[in-house]
Amino acid sequence: EELDLRVDTDEEFSTCRAPTGSRAVNFQGYLCMKGGLMIPWKRRWCVLKEETFMWFRAKQEALKSGWLYKKGGGMSTLSRRNWKRRWFVLRDSHLIYFENDSEEKQKGTIDIQGAREIVDNGEKENALDIVTGDRTYHIVAASPEDASDWFNVLSGVHIATQQQLREMRDEQANPKNAVGTVDVGMIESVCASDNPDR
């Protein structure tokens, strides 16, 4: 698939040079992308890291993000305790969940470092529990791999020092969270344009 790109000059973008062999980010910033004639331009956060060009829906400030199912927390007889699909984003030590992946309608926040424990729940497949002083959040992933990834990152954040959290943030541009990736060696040509409708 052929992609068109243009720099979004209204937003700040940053570049940095890294020594050979370093795992540092070489470029990050907003670009507008188009994946075909009939597809409209979309603003994406783009990262060039080592030999991989990645694009994301939003700036990569999250340690992890993805769809999970969460059980409602109501306690009264009229409240709901059904399972809802939510978009989860782990930023620093806060797990924030939204109605959808546009991240416009926030539904709640869980302080992971303030939690009592993160539990791999063996009663339900792909499930984990986040136990806080107020309640227990029951969460289910779509696959065993996704559940394991979430459990590992949440457990790591739960016991991390501030220095360790900073180091985790530095590794946040993860291809697993990207909308798409391209190996730099596969790019045939690049051109600049100030007119996205060319």
N, C-alpha and C. Protein backbone atom coordinates (compact mmCIF):
# COMPACT_ATOMS: atom_id res chain seq x y z
N GLU A 1 0.84 -1.18 0.00
CA GLU A 1 0.00 0.00 0.00
C GLU A 1 0.88 1.24 0.00
N GLU A 2 0.58 2.19 -0.85
CA GLU A 2 1.36 3.41 -0.95
C GLU A 2 0.82 4.45 0.02
N LEU A 3 1.70 5.11 0.75
CA LEU A 3 1.30 6.12 1.72
C LEU A 3 1.83 7.48 1.31
N ASP A 4 1.01 8.52 1.43
CA ASP A 4 1.46 9.89 1.26
C ASP A 4 1.59 10.49 2.64
N LEU A 5 2.62 11.32 2.84
CA LEU A 5 2.86 11.95 4.14
C LEU A 5 3.08 13.44 3.95
N ARG A 6 2.70 14.22 4.95
CA ARG A 6 3.09 15.64 4.97
C ARG A 6 3.26 16.06 6.42
N VAL A 7 4.17 16.98 6.67
CA VAL A 7 4.44 17.46 8.02
C VAL A 7 3.33 18.40 8.44
N ASP A 8 2.88 18.25 9.66
CA ASP A 8 1.89 19.15 10.24
C ASP A 8 2.68 20.27 10.92
N THR A 9 2.80 21.40 10.25
CA THR A 9 3.63 22.48 10.75
C THR A 9 3.01 23.23 11.92
N ASP A 10 1.71 22.99 12.22
CA ASP A 10 1.07 23.66 13.34
C ASP A 10 1.49 23.07 14.68
N GLU A 11 2.01 21.86 14.68
CA GLU A 11 2.40 21.21 15.92
C GLU A 11 3.92 21.14 16.02
N GLU A 12 4.40 21.19 17.23
CA GLU A 12 5.83 21.06 17.47
C GLU A 12 6.24 19.62 17.16
N PHE A 13 7.37 19.46 16.49
CA PHE A 13 7.91 18.12 16.31
C PHE A 13 9.38 18.18 16.67
N SER A 14 9.93 17.03 17.02
CA SER A 14 11.31 17.02 17.48
C SER A 14 12.11 15.97 16.74
N THR A 15 13.38 16.26 16.57
CA THR A 15 14.29 15.28 16.00
C THR A 15 15.49 15.17 16.90
N CYS A 16 16.10 14.03 16.87
CA CYS A 16 17.35 13.86 17.62
C CYS A 16 18.19 12.83 16.90
N ARG A 17 19.48 12.97 17.00
CA ARG A 17 20.40 12.02 16.40
C ARG A 17 20.89 11.10 17.52
N ALA A 18 20.97 9.84 17.21
CA ALA A 18 21.43 8.88 18.20
C ALA A 18 22.67 8.18 17.68
N PRO A 19 23.59 7.85 18.58
CA PRO A 19 24.78 7.12 18.15
C PRO A 19 24.40 5.76 17.57
N THR A 20 25.24 5.25 16.67
CA THR A 20 24.99 3.94 16.08
C THR A 20 24.92 2.90 17.18
N GLY A 21 23.92 2.01 17.07
CA GLY A 21 23.74 0.97 18.08
C GLY A 21 22.83 1.40 19.21
N SER A 22 22.46 2.66 19.26
CA SER A 22 21.58 3.15 20.32
C SER A 22 20.14 2.81 19.99
N ARG A 23 19.28 2.65 21.02
CA ARG A 23 17.87 2.35 20.81
C ARG A 23 17.03 3.63 20.94
N ALA A 24 17.67 4.79 20.82
CA ALA A 24 16.96 6.06 20.98
C ALA A 24 16.10 6.35 19.76
N VAL A 25 15.12 7.23 19.96
CA VAL A 25 14.24 7.66 18.87
C VAL A 25 15.02 8.62 17.97
N ASN A 26 14.96 8.40 16.64
CA ASN A 26 15.65 9.26 15.68
C ASN A 26 14.78 10.43 15.24
N PHE A 27 13.47 10.24 15.22
CA PHE A 27 12.53 11.30 14.84
C PHE A 27 11.19 10.99 15.47
N GLN A 28 10.50 12.04 15.90
CA GLN A 28 9.11 11.88 16.32
C GLN A 28 8.39 13.20 16.07
N GLY A 29 7.16 13.10 15.61
CA GLY A 29 6.38 14.29 15.33
C GLY A 29 5.09 13.95 14.61
N TYR A 30 4.24 14.94 14.46
CA TYR A 30 2.98 14.73 13.75
C TYR A 30 3.20 14.86 12.25
N LEU A 31 2.62 13.93 11.51
CA LEU A 31 2.58 13.99 10.06
C LEU A 31 1.14 13.70 9.64
N CYS A 32 0.77 14.22 8.48
CA CYS A 32 -0.53 13.86 7.92
C CYS A 32 -0.28 12.77 6.90
N MET A 33 -1.09 11.71 6.96
CA MET A 33 -0.87 10.54 6.13
C MET A 33 -2.12 10.23 5.31
N LYS A 34 -1.87 9.66 4.14
CA LYS A 34 -2.95 9.23 3.28
C LYS A 34 -2.57 7.88 2.69
N GLY A 35 -3.47 6.91 2.78
CA GLY A 35 -3.16 5.56 2.35
C GLY A 35 -3.81 5.16 1.04
N GLY A 36 -4.26 6.09 0.22
CA GLY A 36 -4.88 5.76 -1.06
C GLY A 36 -5.68 6.95 -1.59
N LEU A 37 -6.17 6.85 -2.82
CA LEU A 37 -6.87 7.96 -3.44
C LEU A 37 -8.16 8.34 -2.72
N MET A 38 -8.93 7.37 -2.28
CA MET A 38 -10.24 7.63 -1.69
C MET A 38 -10.20 7.80 -0.17
N ILE A 39 -9.04 7.65 0.43
CA ILE A 39 -8.92 7.74 1.88
C ILE A 39 -8.50 9.16 2.25
N PRO A 40 -9.22 9.81 3.18
CA PRO A 40 -8.86 11.18 3.55
C PRO A 40 -7.55 11.24 4.34
N TRP A 41 -6.95 12.43 4.36
CA TRP A 41 -5.74 12.64 5.13
C TRP A 41 -6.05 12.47 6.61
N LYS A 42 -5.13 11.83 7.33
CA LYS A 42 -5.28 11.64 8.77
C LYS A 42 -4.01 12.09 9.48
N ARG A 43 -4.19 12.82 10.55
CA ARG A 43 -3.07 13.30 11.35
C ARG A 43 -2.63 12.17 12.28
N ARG A 44 -1.35 11.79 12.22
CA ARG A 44 -0.83 10.69 13.01
C ARG A 44 0.48 11.09 13.69
N TRP A 45 0.70 10.56 14.87
CA TRP A 45 1.98 10.72 15.56
C TRP A 45 2.93 9.69 14.97
N CYS A 46 4.05 10.14 14.41
CA CYS A 46 4.98 9.25 13.72
C CYS A 46 6.31 9.21 14.45
N VAL A 47 6.90 8.02 14.46
CA VAL A 47 8.17 7.80 15.14
C VAL A 47 9.08 6.99 14.22
N LEU A 48 10.31 7.46 14.05
CA LEU A 48 11.35 6.69 13.37
C LEU A 48 12.30 6.22 14.45
N LYS A 49 12.34 4.92 14.66
CA LYS A 49 13.19 4.35 15.70
C LYS A 49 14.00 3.24 15.08
N GLU A 50 15.31 3.41 15.11
CA GLU A 50 16.22 2.49 14.45
C GLU A 50 15.83 2.37 12.99
N GLU A 51 15.47 1.21 12.50
CA GLU A 51 15.13 1.02 11.10
C GLU A 51 13.63 0.86 10.87
N THR A 52 12.81 1.29 11.84
CA THR A 52 11.36 1.13 11.73
C THR A 52 10.67 2.48 11.81
N PHE A 53 9.81 2.75 10.82
CA PHE A 53 8.96 3.93 10.82
C PHE A 53 7.58 3.47 11.29
N MET A 54 7.05 4.10 12.37
CA MET A 54 5.77 3.69 12.95
C MET A 54 4.84 4.88 13.01
N TRP A 55 3.53 4.62 12.91
CA TRP A 55 2.57 5.70 13.11
C TRP A 55 1.49 5.24 14.08
N PHE A 56 1.02 6.21 14.88
CA PHE A 56 0.09 5.96 15.97
C PHE A 56 -1.09 6.92 15.87
N ARG A 57 -2.20 6.57 16.51
CA ARG A 57 -3.38 7.45 16.52
C ARG A 57 -3.11 8.76 17.25
N ALA A 58 -2.29 8.68 18.31
CA ALA A 58 -2.03 9.87 19.13
C ALA A 58 -0.56 9.84 19.57
N LYS A 59 -0.11 10.95 20.12
CA LYS A 59 1.25 11.04 20.63
C LYS A 59 1.48 9.92 21.64
N GLN A 60 2.63 9.28 21.54
CA GLN A 60 2.90 8.13 22.38
C GLN A 60 3.35 8.54 23.78
N GLU A 61 2.36 8.82 24.60
CA GLU A 61 2.63 9.15 25.99
C GLU A 61 2.22 7.98 26.88
N ALA A 62 1.74 6.92 26.28
CA ALA A 62 1.23 5.78 27.03
C ALA A 62 2.26 4.65 27.07
N LEU A 63 2.32 3.97 28.21
CA LEU A 63 3.17 2.79 28.33
C LEU A 63 2.53 1.61 27.61
N LYS A 64 1.20 1.59 27.59
CA LYS A 64 0.46 0.55 26.88
C LYS A 64 -0.96 1.04 26.66
N SER A 65 -1.57 0.59 25.58
CA SER A 65 -2.97 0.91 25.33
C SER A 65 -3.60 -0.23 24.55
N GLY A 66 -4.93 -0.34 24.68
CA GLY A 66 -5.63 -1.37 23.95
C GLY A 66 -7.03 -1.63 24.50
N TRP A 67 -7.77 -2.47 23.78
CA TRP A 67 -9.13 -2.81 24.18
C TRP A 67 -9.11 -3.91 25.23
N LEU A 68 -9.91 -3.72 26.29
CA LEU A 68 -10.11 -4.71 27.34
C LEU A 68 -11.58 -4.69 27.73
N TYR A 69 -12.04 -5.76 28.33
CA TYR A 69 -13.39 -5.78 28.90
C TYR A 69 -13.28 -5.53 30.39
N LYS A 70 -14.16 -4.66 30.92
CA LYS A 70 -14.18 -4.34 32.35
C LYS A 70 -15.57 -4.60 32.90
N LYS A 71 -15.60 -5.23 34.06
CA LYS A 71 -16.87 -5.50 34.70
C LYS A 71 -17.31 -4.26 35.46
N GLY A 72 -18.59 -3.90 35.31
CA GLY A 72 -19.14 -2.74 36.01
C GLY A 72 -18.97 -2.88 37.51
N GLY A 73 -18.83 -1.76 38.19
CA GLY A 73 -18.53 -1.78 39.62
C GLY A 73 -19.69 -1.46 40.52
N GLY A 74 -20.91 -1.43 40.00
CA GLY A 74 -22.07 -1.08 40.81
C GLY A 74 -22.30 -2.05 41.95
N MET A 75 -22.76 -1.52 43.09
CA MET A 75 -23.01 -2.35 44.26
C MET A 75 -24.48 -2.41 44.64
N SER A 76 -25.27 -1.45 44.22
CA SER A 76 -26.68 -1.45 44.61
C SER A 76 -27.46 -2.46 43.75
N THR A 77 -28.68 -2.74 44.13
CA THR A 77 -29.48 -3.71 43.39
C THR A 77 -29.85 -3.20 42.01
N LEU A 78 -29.89 -1.88 41.81
CA LEU A 78 -30.25 -1.31 40.52
C LEU A 78 -29.04 -1.05 39.61
N SER A 79 -27.84 -1.11 40.18
CA SER A 79 -26.66 -0.80 39.36
C SER A 79 -26.26 -2.00 38.51
N ARG A 80 -25.52 -1.72 37.45
CA ARG A 80 -25.13 -2.76 36.50
C ARG A 80 -23.76 -3.32 36.81
N ARG A 81 -23.64 -4.62 36.64
CA ARG A 81 -22.35 -5.28 36.81
C ARG A 81 -22.05 -6.12 35.58
N ASN A 82 -22.44 -5.60 34.41
CA ASN A 82 -22.18 -6.31 33.16
C ASN A 82 -20.79 -5.94 32.63
N TRP A 83 -20.33 -6.70 31.63
CA TRP A 83 -19.02 -6.48 31.04
C TRP A 83 -19.13 -5.48 29.89
N LYS A 84 -18.24 -4.48 29.90
CA LYS A 84 -18.22 -3.47 28.83
C LYS A 84 -16.83 -3.43 28.22
N ARG A 85 -16.80 -3.29 26.90
CA ARG A 85 -15.53 -3.13 26.18
C ARG A 85 -15.10 -1.68 26.32
N ARG A 86 -13.88 -1.48 26.81
CA ARG A 86 -13.34 -0.13 27.02
C ARG A 86 -11.94 -0.04 26.44
N TRP A 87 -11.58 1.18 26.03
CA TRP A 87 -10.23 1.47 25.55
C TRP A 87 -9.41 1.89 26.76
N PHE A 88 -8.34 1.13 27.07
CA PHE A 88 -7.49 1.40 28.24
C PHE A 88 -6.17 1.99 27.79
N VAL A 89 -5.70 2.99 28.56
CA VAL A 89 -4.42 3.64 28.28
C VAL A 89 -3.67 3.75 29.60
N LEU A 90 -2.44 3.23 29.64
CA LEU A 90 -1.59 3.32 30.82
C LEU A 90 -0.61 4.45 30.62
N ARG A 91 -0.82 5.55 31.34
CA ARG A 91 0.08 6.71 31.29
C ARG A 91 0.73 6.86 32.65
N ASP A 92 2.05 6.77 32.66
CA ASP A 92 2.80 6.77 33.92
C ASP A 92 2.23 5.69 34.82
N SER A 93 1.69 6.07 35.97
CA SER A 93 1.16 5.05 36.88
C SER A 93 -0.37 5.06 36.92
N HIS A 94 -1.00 5.68 35.93
CA HIS A 94 -2.47 5.75 35.90
C HIS A 94 -3.03 4.98 34.70
N LEU A 95 -3.94 4.07 35.00
CA LEU A 95 -4.64 3.32 33.98
C LEU A 95 -5.97 4.02 33.75
N ILE A 96 -6.11 4.64 32.58
CA ILE A 96 -7.29 5.43 32.26
C ILE A 96 -8.12 4.63 31.26
N TYR A 97 -9.44 4.61 31.46
CA TYR A 97 -10.27 3.91 30.49
C TYR A 97 -11.31 4.84 29.91
N PHE A 98 -11.57 4.60 28.60
CA PHE A 98 -12.41 5.47 27.79
C PHE A 98 -13.51 4.64 27.13
N GLU A 99 -14.52 5.34 26.66
CA GLU A 99 -15.61 4.69 25.94
C GLU A 99 -15.12 4.10 24.62
N ASN A 100 -14.18 4.83 23.93
CA ASN A 100 -13.65 4.32 22.67
C ASN A 100 -12.21 4.81 22.48
N ASP A 101 -11.59 4.39 21.38
CA ASP A 101 -10.17 4.69 21.18
C ASP A 101 -9.88 6.11 20.70
N SER A 102 -10.91 6.94 20.54
CA SER A 102 -10.65 8.35 20.25
C SER A 102 -10.20 9.08 21.52
N GLU A 103 -10.38 8.44 22.67
CA GLU A 103 -9.97 8.95 23.98
C GLU A 103 -10.64 10.28 24.32
N GLU A 104 -11.85 10.49 23.82
CA GLU A 104 -12.57 11.73 24.09
C GLU A 104 -13.44 11.63 25.35
N LYS A 105 -14.05 10.48 25.60
CA LYS A 105 -14.96 10.35 26.73
C LYS A 105 -14.37 9.41 27.79
N GLN A 106 -13.66 10.03 28.75
CA GLN A 106 -13.02 9.26 29.81
C GLN A 106 -14.08 8.72 30.77
N LYS A 107 -13.95 7.43 31.10
CA LYS A 107 -14.91 6.78 32.00
C LYS A 107 -14.36 6.61 33.41
N GLY A 108 -13.03 6.54 33.57
CA GLY A 108 -12.46 6.38 34.91
C GLY A 108 -10.95 6.28 34.87
N THR A 109 -10.35 6.30 36.08
CA THR A 109 -8.90 6.20 36.24
C THR A 109 -8.59 5.29 37.42
N ILE A 110 -7.56 4.48 37.27
CA ILE A 110 -7.10 3.60 38.35
C ILE A 110 -5.64 3.94 38.62
N ASP A 111 -5.31 4.25 39.87
CA ASP A 111 -3.93 4.53 40.27
C ASP A 111 -3.23 3.20 40.50
N ILE A 112 -2.37 2.78 39.58
CA ILE A 112 -1.74 1.47 39.65
C ILE A 112 -0.73 1.39 40.80
N GLN A 113 0.04 2.46 41.01
CA GLN A 113 1.01 2.41 42.11
C GLN A 113 0.31 2.47 43.47
N GLY A 114 -0.88 3.03 43.51
CA GLY A 114 -1.64 3.09 44.76
C GLY A 114 -2.48 1.84 45.00
N ALA A 115 -2.51 0.91 44.02
CA ALA A 115 -3.29 -0.32 44.18
C ALA A 115 -2.65 -1.22 45.22
N ARG A 116 -3.49 -2.03 45.86
CA ARG A 116 -2.96 -2.99 46.83
C ARG A 116 -2.21 -4.11 46.13
N GLU A 117 -2.81 -4.61 45.03
CA GLU A 117 -2.14 -5.68 44.28
C GLU A 117 -2.75 -5.82 42.89
N ILE A 118 -1.96 -6.43 42.01
CA ILE A 118 -2.40 -6.81 40.66
C ILE A 118 -2.42 -8.34 40.66
N VAL A 119 -3.57 -8.94 40.35
CA VAL A 119 -3.74 -10.39 40.49
C VAL A 119 -4.06 -11.02 39.15
N ASP A 120 -3.35 -12.09 38.82
CA ASP A 120 -3.67 -12.91 37.65
C ASP A 120 -4.85 -13.79 38.07
N ASN A 121 -6.03 -13.48 37.57
CA ASN A 121 -7.26 -14.15 38.00
C ASN A 121 -7.44 -15.46 37.23
N GLY A 122 -7.29 -16.58 37.93
CA GLY A 122 -7.41 -17.89 37.30
C GLY A 122 -8.83 -18.36 37.13
N GLU A 123 -9.81 -17.64 37.72
CA GLU A 123 -11.21 -18.06 37.64
C GLU A 123 -11.82 -17.81 36.26
N LYS A 124 -11.31 -16.82 35.54
CA LYS A 124 -11.84 -16.48 34.22
C LYS A 124 -10.66 -16.40 33.26
N GLU A 125 -10.85 -16.93 32.07
CA GLU A 125 -9.78 -16.96 31.07
C GLU A 125 -9.37 -15.55 30.67
N ASN A 126 -8.05 -15.30 30.59
CA ASN A 126 -7.45 -14.02 30.16
C ASN A 126 -7.81 -12.87 31.10
N ALA A 127 -8.06 -13.16 32.37
CA ALA A 127 -8.53 -12.14 33.31
C ALA A 127 -7.45 -11.74 34.30
N LEU A 128 -7.56 -10.49 34.75
CA LEU A 128 -6.74 -10.01 35.86
C LEU A 128 -7.57 -9.06 36.70
N ASP A 129 -7.17 -8.93 37.95
CA ASP A 129 -7.86 -8.05 38.89
C ASP A 129 -6.89 -6.99 39.38
N ILE A 130 -7.39 -5.78 39.51
CA ILE A 130 -6.63 -4.69 40.12
C ILE A 130 -7.35 -4.36 41.42
N VAL A 131 -6.70 -4.66 42.53
CA VAL A 131 -7.32 -4.48 43.85
C VAL A 131 -6.86 -3.15 44.42
N THR A 132 -7.82 -2.24 44.66
CA THR A 132 -7.52 -0.94 45.27
C THR A 132 -8.19 -0.89 46.64
N GLY A 133 -8.01 0.21 47.34
CA GLY A 133 -8.66 0.37 48.63
C GLY A 133 -10.17 0.48 48.52
N ASP A 134 -10.66 0.97 47.38
CA ASP A 134 -12.10 1.19 47.19
C ASP A 134 -12.83 0.00 46.59
N ARG A 135 -12.17 -0.69 45.66
CA ARG A 135 -12.85 -1.78 44.96
C ARG A 135 -11.85 -2.65 44.21
N THR A 136 -12.35 -3.71 43.64
CA THR A 136 -11.54 -4.58 42.78
C THR A 136 -12.05 -4.43 41.36
N TYR A 137 -11.13 -4.07 40.46
CA TYR A 137 -11.47 -3.93 39.04
C TYR A 137 -11.21 -5.27 38.36
N HIS A 138 -12.22 -5.84 37.74
CA HIS A 138 -12.10 -7.10 37.01
C HIS A 138 -11.95 -6.76 35.53
N ILE A 139 -10.85 -7.23 34.92
CA ILE A 139 -10.53 -6.89 33.54
C ILE A 139 -10.19 -8.17 32.78
N VAL A 140 -10.67 -8.25 31.52
CA VAL A 140 -10.41 -9.42 30.68
C VAL A 140 -9.86 -8.95 29.33
N ALA A 141 -8.80 -9.62 28.88
CA ALA A 141 -8.20 -9.35 27.58
C ALA A 141 -8.74 -10.33 26.54
N ALA A 142 -8.49 -10.03 25.26
CA ALA A 142 -9.00 -10.85 24.17
C ALA A 142 -8.22 -12.15 23.98
N SER A 143 -6.97 -12.18 24.41
CA SER A 143 -6.13 -13.36 24.19
C SER A 143 -5.22 -13.59 25.40
N PRO A 144 -4.69 -14.79 25.55
CA PRO A 144 -3.74 -15.05 26.65
C PRO A 144 -2.49 -14.17 26.54
N GLU A 145 -2.02 -13.93 25.31
CA GLU A 145 -0.83 -13.09 25.11
C GLU A 145 -1.09 -11.66 25.57
N ASP A 146 -2.25 -11.12 25.20
CA ASP A 146 -2.61 -9.76 25.59
C ASP A 146 -2.78 -9.67 27.11
N ALA A 147 -3.41 -10.66 27.71
CA ALA A 147 -3.58 -10.68 29.16
C ALA A 147 -2.23 -10.72 29.86
N SER A 148 -1.32 -11.53 29.34
CA SER A 148 0.02 -11.63 29.92
C SER A 148 0.78 -10.31 29.78
N ASP A 149 0.68 -9.66 28.60
CA ASP A 149 1.33 -8.36 28.40
C ASP A 149 0.81 -7.33 29.39
N TRP A 150 -0.52 -7.24 29.54
CA TRP A 150 -1.12 -6.28 30.47
C TRP A 150 -0.69 -6.59 31.91
N PHE A 151 -0.74 -7.86 32.30
CA PHE A 151 -0.36 -8.24 33.66
C PHE A 151 1.10 -7.84 33.93
N ASN A 152 1.99 -8.12 32.99
CA ASN A 152 3.41 -7.81 33.18
C ASN A 152 3.67 -6.31 33.30
N VAL A 153 3.06 -5.52 32.40
CA VAL A 153 3.32 -4.08 32.45
C VAL A 153 2.67 -3.45 33.69
N LEU A 154 1.46 -3.87 34.06
CA LEU A 154 0.81 -3.33 35.25
C LEU A 154 1.57 -3.71 36.52
N SER A 155 2.03 -4.96 36.59
CA SER A 155 2.81 -5.41 37.75
C SER A 155 4.12 -4.63 37.85
N GLY A 156 4.75 -4.39 36.69
CA GLY A 156 5.99 -3.61 36.67
C GLY A 156 5.78 -2.19 37.16
N VAL A 157 4.71 -1.54 36.68
CA VAL A 157 4.40 -0.17 37.10
C VAL A 157 4.04 -0.13 38.58
N HIS A 158 3.34 -1.15 39.05
CA HIS A 158 2.89 -1.21 40.44
C HIS A 158 4.06 -1.10 41.42
N ILE A 159 5.20 -1.72 41.09
CA ILE A 159 6.35 -1.73 42.00
C ILE A 159 7.49 -0.81 41.56
N ALA A 160 7.31 -0.08 40.47
CA ALA A 160 8.39 0.72 39.89
C ALA A 160 8.70 1.98 40.71
N THR A 161 9.97 2.34 40.70
CA THR A 161 10.39 3.63 41.25
C THR A 161 10.14 4.70 40.20
N GLN A 162 10.28 5.97 40.57
CA GLN A 162 10.10 7.06 39.61
C GLN A 162 11.11 6.96 38.47
N GLN A 163 12.36 6.58 38.79
CA GLN A 163 13.39 6.41 37.77
C GLN A 163 13.00 5.30 36.80
N GLN A 164 12.49 4.19 37.32
CA GLN A 164 12.07 3.09 36.46
C GLN A 164 10.90 3.49 35.57
N LEU A 165 9.96 4.29 36.10
CA LEU A 165 8.85 4.79 35.28
C LEU A 165 9.36 5.65 34.14
N ARG A 166 10.36 6.51 34.41
CA ARG A 166 10.95 7.34 33.35
C ARG A 166 11.58 6.47 32.27
N GLU A 167 12.27 5.40 32.68
CA GLU A 167 12.89 4.50 31.71
C GLU A 167 11.82 3.78 30.88
N MET A 168 10.71 3.40 31.51
CA MET A 168 9.61 2.77 30.77
C MET A 168 9.04 3.73 29.74
N ARG A 169 8.89 5.01 30.11
CA ARG A 169 8.37 6.02 29.19
C ARG A 169 9.27 6.17 27.97
N ASP A 170 10.59 6.08 28.18
CA ASP A 170 11.54 6.22 27.07
C ASP A 170 11.38 5.10 26.04
N GLU A 171 10.82 3.98 26.44
CA GLU A 171 10.62 2.85 25.54
C GLU A 171 9.19 2.76 25.00
N GLN A 172 8.43 3.85 25.14
CA GLN A 172 7.00 3.80 24.83
C GLN A 172 6.67 3.66 23.34
N ALA A 173 7.55 4.04 22.45
CA ALA A 173 7.28 3.91 21.02
C ALA A 173 7.46 2.44 20.64
N ASN A 174 6.43 1.67 20.88
CA ASN A 174 6.47 0.22 20.70
C ASN A 174 5.69 -0.16 19.44
N PRO A 175 6.29 -0.91 18.52
CA PRO A 175 5.57 -1.29 17.30
C PRO A 175 4.26 -2.04 17.59
N LYS A 176 4.16 -2.72 18.74
CA LYS A 176 2.93 -3.45 19.07
C LYS A 176 1.74 -2.51 19.24
N ASN A 177 2.00 -1.24 19.61
CA ASN A 177 0.93 -0.27 19.81
C ASN A 177 0.66 0.58 18.57
N ALA A 178 1.43 0.37 17.51
CA ALA A 178 1.33 1.22 16.32
C ALA A 178 0.14 0.84 15.45
N VAL A 179 -0.41 1.85 14.77
CA VAL A 179 -1.44 1.61 13.75
C VAL A 179 -0.79 0.89 12.57
N GLY A 180 0.45 1.28 12.26
CA GLY A 180 1.17 0.66 11.17
C GLY A 180 2.66 0.85 11.31
N THR A 181 3.43 0.01 10.64
CA THR A 181 4.89 0.12 10.64
C THR A 181 5.41 -0.16 9.24
N VAL A 182 6.57 0.42 8.94
CA VAL A 182 7.25 0.17 7.67
C VAL A 182 8.73 0.04 7.99
N ASP A 183 9.35 -0.98 7.45
CA ASP A 183 10.80 -1.13 7.55
C ASP A 183 11.41 -0.07 6.63
N VAL A 184 12.30 0.74 7.14
CA VAL A 184 12.88 1.86 6.38
C VAL A 184 13.53 1.37 5.08
N GLY A 185 14.08 0.18 5.09
CA GLY A 185 14.71 -0.37 3.89
C GLY A 185 13.73 -0.64 2.76
N MET A 186 12.42 -0.69 3.08
CA MET A 186 11.40 -0.95 2.06
C MET A 186 10.89 0.33 1.40
N ILE A 187 11.27 1.50 1.91
CA ILE A 187 10.80 2.77 1.35
C ILE A 187 11.59 3.08 0.09
N GLU A 188 10.87 3.24 -1.04
CA GLU A 188 11.52 3.52 -2.31
C GLU A 188 11.82 4.99 -2.51
N SER A 189 10.86 5.86 -2.11
CA SER A 189 11.09 7.29 -2.29
C SER A 189 10.25 8.07 -1.29
N VAL A 190 10.69 9.29 -1.02
CA VAL A 190 10.00 10.21 -0.12
C VAL A 190 10.00 11.57 -0.78
N CYS A 191 8.86 12.26 -0.76
CA CYS A 191 8.82 13.61 -1.29
C CYS A 191 8.07 14.51 -0.32
N ALA A 192 8.43 15.76 -0.30
CA ALA A 192 7.77 16.74 0.57
C ALA A 192 6.71 17.49 -0.22
N SER A 193 5.64 17.87 0.48
CA SER A 193 4.58 18.62 -0.16
C SER A 193 3.92 19.53 0.87
N ASP A 194 3.67 20.77 0.45
CA ASP A 194 2.91 21.67 1.33
C ASP A 194 1.43 21.67 0.93
N ASN A 195 1.09 20.83 -0.07
CA ASN A 195 -0.29 20.72 -0.53
C ASN A 195 -0.73 19.26 -0.45
N PRO A 196 -1.47 18.91 0.59
CA PRO A 196 -1.86 17.52 0.77
C PRO A 196 -2.80 17.00 -0.30
N ASP A 197 -3.42 17.88 -1.10
CA ASP A 197 -4.39 17.45 -2.10
C ASP A 197 -3.78 17.30 -3.48
N ARG A 198 -2.48 17.29 -3.58
CA ARG A 198 -1.82 17.18 -4.89
C ARG A 198 -2.12 15.87 -5.55
